[in-house]
């Protein structure tokens, strides 16, 4: 899976998000910025992103995913 594919999938799955992805495709890190995260705990935010990528994690396409989530205000 390419970094662009990971980025596109997360952007499609997390409303109004801006996503950056770094890494090699099977082990990567991502930063997801979305207003939808307002008022959510970090754990809930991460679970949302993991749910979007669940199939790839489960089938081994994506081995490791480091996640940082922010609201637009937190990212400013």
C-alpha atoms as a PDB file:
ATOM      1  CA  UNK A   1       0.000   0.000   0.000  1.00  0.00           C
ATOM      2  CA  UNK A   2       1.424   3.370  -0.969  1.00  0.00           C
ATOM      3  CA  UNK A   3       1.549   6.390   1.295  1.00  0.00           C
ATOM      4  CA  UNK A   4      -0.831   8.176  -1.084  1.00  0.00           C
ATOM      5  CA  UNK A   5      -3.337   5.312  -0.760  1.00  0.00           C
ATOM      6  CA  UNK A   6      -3.126   5.439   3.037  1.00  0.00           C
ATOM      7  CA  UNK A   7      -3.574   9.210   2.988  1.00  0.00           C
ATOM      8  CA  UNK A   8      -6.575   9.007   0.645  1.00  0.00           C
ATOM      9  CA  UNK A   9      -8.259   6.280   2.683  1.00  0.00           C
ATOM     10  CA  UNK A  10      -7.920   8.194   5.959  1.00  0.00           C
ATOM     11  CA  UNK A  11      -9.109  11.435   4.338  1.00  0.00           C
ATOM     12  CA  UNK A  12     -12.155   9.613   2.974  1.00  0.00           C
ATOM     13  CA  UNK A  13     -12.884   8.026   6.348  1.00  0.00           C
ATOM     14  CA  UNK A  14     -12.380  11.036   8.632  1.00  0.00           C
ATOM     15  CA  UNK A  15     -14.676  13.954   7.869  1.00  0.00           C
ATOM     16  CA  UNK A  16     -13.045  17.265   6.813  1.00  0.00           C
ATOM     17  CA  UNK A  17      -9.546  15.945   7.460  1.00  0.00           C
ATOM     18  CA  UNK A  18      -6.100  16.975   6.358  1.00  0.00           C
ATOM     19  CA  UNK A  19      -3.760  13.996   6.458  1.00  0.00           C
ATOM     20  CA  UNK A  20       0.015  13.722   6.190  1.00  0.00           C
ATOM     21  CA  UNK A  21       1.722  10.334   6.022  1.00  0.00           C
ATOM     22  CA  UNK A  22       5.406   9.417   6.276  1.00  0.00           C
ATOM     23  CA  UNK A  23       7.149   6.063   6.185  1.00  0.00           C
ATOM     24  CA  UNK A  24       7.578   3.156   3.807  1.00  0.00           C
ATOM     25  CA  UNK A  25       4.009   1.987   3.226  1.00  0.00           C
ATOM     26  CA  UNK A  26       3.898  -1.001   5.581  1.00  0.00           C
ATOM     27  CA  UNK A  27       5.155   0.928   8.618  1.00  0.00           C
ATOM     28  CA  UNK A  28       4.262   4.582   8.736  1.00  0.00           C
ATOM     29  CA  UNK A  29       3.190   7.550  10.801  1.00  0.00           C
ATOM     30  CA  UNK A  30       0.305   9.875  10.145  1.00  0.00           C
ATOM     31  CA  UNK A  31      -0.987  13.188  11.386  1.00  0.00           C
ATOM     32  CA  UNK A  32      -4.711  13.724  10.994  1.00  0.00           C
ATOM     33  CA  UNK A  33      -6.198  17.176  11.525  1.00  0.00           C
ATOM     34  CA  UNK A  34      -9.987  17.507  11.611  1.00  0.00           C
ATOM     35  CA  UNK A  35     -12.587  19.618  13.404  1.00  0.00           C
ATOM     36  CA  UNK A  36     -14.515  16.400  14.066  1.00  0.00           C
ATOM     37  CA  UNK A  37     -11.996  15.639  16.849  1.00  0.00           C
ATOM     38  CA  UNK A  38     -13.177  18.607  18.934  1.00  0.00           C
ATOM     39  CA  UNK A  39     -14.095  17.425  22.440  1.00  0.00           C
ATOM     40  CA  UNK A  40     -12.854  13.851  21.884  1.00  0.00           C
ATOM     41  CA  UNK A  41     -10.159  12.178  23.952  1.00  0.00           C
ATOM     42  CA  UNK A  42      -6.922  11.165  22.228  1.00  0.00           C
ATOM     43  CA  UNK A  43      -7.890   7.507  22.604  1.00  0.00           C
ATOM     44  CA  UNK A  44     -11.236   7.986  20.846  1.00  0.00           C
ATOM     45  CA  UNK A  45      -9.533   9.943  18.058  1.00  0.00           C
ATOM     46  CA  UNK A  46      -6.949   7.202  17.518  1.00  0.00           C
ATOM     47  CA  UNK A  47      -9.632   4.515  17.530  1.00  0.00           C
ATOM     48  CA  UNK A  48     -11.449   6.398  14.766  1.00  0.00           C
ATOM     49  CA  UNK A  49      -8.349   6.411  12.570  1.00  0.00           C
ATOM     50  CA  UNK A  50      -7.575   2.772  13.367  1.00  0.00           C
ATOM     51  CA  UNK A  51     -11.140   1.806  12.433  1.00  0.00           C
ATOM     52  CA  UNK A  52     -10.629   3.366   8.994  1.00  0.00           C
ATOM     53  CA  UNK A  53      -7.448   1.316   8.480  1.00  0.00           C
ATOM     54  CA  UNK A  54      -8.678  -1.865  10.208  1.00  0.00           C
ATOM     55  CA  UNK A  55      -8.765  -4.043   7.092  1.00  0.00           C
ATOM     56  CA  UNK A  56      -5.182  -3.199   6.142  1.00  0.00           C
ATOM     57  CA  UNK A  57      -3.936  -3.760   9.688  1.00  0.00           C
ATOM     58  CA  UNK A  58      -5.848  -7.027  10.059  1.00  0.00           C
ATOM     59  CA  UNK A  59      -4.675  -8.520   6.764  1.00  0.00           C
ATOM     60  CA  UNK A  60      -1.056  -7.444   7.332  1.00  0.00           C
ATOM     61  CA  UNK A  61      -0.816  -4.922   4.500  1.00  0.00           C
ATOM     62  CA  UNK A  62      -0.040  -2.269   7.098  1.00  0.00           C
ATOM     63  CA  UNK A  63       2.182  -3.540   9.899  1.00  0.00           C
ATOM     64  CA  UNK A  64       2.541  -0.429  12.045  1.00  0.00           C
ATOM     65  CA  UNK A  65       0.750   2.898  12.120  1.00  0.00           C
ATOM     66  CA  UNK A  66       1.739   5.723  14.432  1.00  0.00           C
ATOM     67  CA  UNK A  67      -1.112   8.227  14.759  1.00  0.00           C
ATOM     68  CA  UNK A  68      -1.190  11.863  15.826  1.00  0.00           C
ATOM     69  CA  UNK A  69      -4.584  13.557  15.826  1.00  0.00           C
ATOM     70  CA  UNK A  70      -5.298  17.248  16.183  1.00  0.00           C
ATOM     71  CA  UNK A  71      -8.131  19.715  15.807  1.00  0.00           C
ATOM     72  CA  UNK A  72      -7.356  22.683  13.544  1.00  0.00           C
ATOM     73  CA  UNK A  73      -6.981  24.868  16.649  1.00  0.00           C
ATOM     74  CA  UNK A  74      -4.495  22.433  18.219  1.00  0.00           C
ATOM     75  CA  UNK A  75      -2.500  22.326  14.994  1.00  0.00           C
ATOM     76  CA  UNK A  76      -2.255  26.105  14.605  1.00  0.00           C
END
